[in-house]
Protein backbone atom coordinates (compact mmCIF):
# COMPACT_ATOMS: atom_id res chain seq x y z
CA MET A 1 -60.71 78.41 -18.95
CA VAL A 2 -64.05 77.25 -19.98
CA HIS A 3 -65.54 80.53 -19.28
CA GLU A 4 -62.85 82.26 -21.27
CA LEU A 5 -63.67 80.00 -24.28
CA TYR A 6 -67.27 80.62 -23.84
CA SER A 7 -66.48 84.38 -23.61
CA ASP A 8 -64.72 84.20 -26.97
CA LEU A 9 -67.22 82.18 -28.59
CA CYS A 10 -69.92 84.93 -28.05
CA VAL A 11 -67.61 87.74 -29.01
CA SER A 12 -67.24 85.66 -32.32
CA LEU A 13 -71.09 84.86 -32.62
CA GLU A 14 -71.78 88.55 -31.96
CA ARG A 15 -69.17 89.67 -34.77
CA ILE A 16 -70.59 86.83 -37.26
CA SER A 17 -74.36 87.88 -36.42
CA LYS A 18 -73.55 91.31 -38.31
CA ASN A 19 -71.88 89.87 -41.27
CA GLU A 20 -74.24 89.49 -44.13
CA LEU A 21 -72.04 88.05 -46.23
CA PHE A 22 -71.33 85.14 -43.75
CA PHE A 23 -75.15 84.32 -44.07
CA ALA A 24 -75.27 84.41 -47.72
CA ALA A 25 -72.47 82.20 -47.77
CA MET A 26 -74.15 79.94 -45.38
CA ALA A 27 -77.36 79.84 -47.30
CA THR A 28 -75.52 79.03 -50.45
CA ASP A 29 -73.83 76.12 -48.68
CA ILE A 30 -77.22 74.82 -47.59
CA ASN A 31 -78.98 75.19 -51.04
CA ALA A 32 -75.87 73.21 -52.50
CA ASN A 33 -76.97 70.08 -50.64
CA SER A 34 -79.90 68.43 -52.78
CA VAL A 35 -83.17 67.19 -51.34
CA PRO A 36 -83.61 63.49 -51.88
CA ILE A 37 -86.81 63.72 -54.27
CA GLY A 38 -86.54 63.05 -57.84
CA LEU A 39 -88.22 64.45 -60.95
CA PHE A 40 -91.56 62.55 -60.56
CA GLN A 41 -91.81 63.04 -56.64
CA GLN A 42 -89.83 59.79 -55.84
CA PHE A 43 -86.73 59.35 -53.66
CA LYS A 44 -83.32 59.52 -55.35
CA LEU A 45 -81.59 56.56 -54.17
CA GLU A 46 -77.99 55.96 -53.89
CA LYS A 47 -75.82 52.98 -54.94
CA SER A 48 -73.48 51.38 -52.26
CA ASP A 49 -70.08 49.68 -53.59
CA SER A 50 -72.20 46.54 -53.86
CA LYS A 51 -74.55 48.12 -55.92
CA HIS A 52 -77.26 48.06 -53.48
CA LYS A 53 -79.80 50.88 -53.44
CA TYR A 54 -80.44 52.94 -50.64
CA LEU A 55 -81.86 56.14 -49.08
CA ASP A 56 -79.69 58.10 -46.91
CA LEU A 57 -82.04 60.37 -44.82
CA LYS A 58 -79.52 61.55 -42.33
CA LYS A 59 -77.35 62.92 -45.25
CA ARG A 60 -80.01 64.08 -47.65
CA GLY A 61 -82.76 65.29 -45.42
CA VAL A 62 -82.14 65.83 -41.64
CA VAL A 63 -78.97 67.67 -42.36
CA ILE A 64 -80.68 70.04 -44.67
CA ILE A 65 -83.27 70.99 -41.76
CA ASN A 66 -80.54 71.00 -39.14
CA ASP A 67 -78.52 73.55 -40.96
CA ILE A 68 -81.45 75.84 -41.73
CA ALA A 69 -82.30 75.92 -38.15
CA ARG A 70 -78.54 76.84 -37.26
CA LEU A 71 -78.64 79.92 -39.89
CA TYR A 72 -81.88 81.17 -38.27
CA ALA A 73 -80.73 80.74 -34.94
CA LEU A 74 -77.47 82.39 -35.63
CA LYS A 75 -79.38 85.21 -37.43
CA ALA A 76 -81.74 85.66 -34.33
CA GLY A 77 -79.14 85.86 -32.17
CA VAL A 78 -79.95 82.55 -30.05
CA ARG A 79 -76.98 81.68 -28.05
CA ARG A 80 -78.46 78.40 -26.28
CA ALA A 81 -76.71 75.24 -27.59
CA ASN A 82 -79.66 72.98 -26.55
CA THR A 83 -83.37 72.70 -25.58
CA ASP A 84 -82.91 72.41 -22.16
CA LYS A 85 -85.15 74.47 -20.02
CA CYS A 86 -83.07 75.00 -16.97
């Protein structure tokens, strides 16, 4: 069962890796996320319901880097899902 699912995933990834339109759409989606730097090189802060200002680095920083790495890995044909050396 697991082997069958993994085989199906590999087939799908192979098909996707040849689709330039998919990569363009993925890059456009990544570009839609804004970096938390404002006009004068200051952090953009968000307001909570109680009017407190905060910086959500996970939402505005790390996610963008993760998505870019995912895009390049798919384009390069990387099939490993982790960094384990085994």
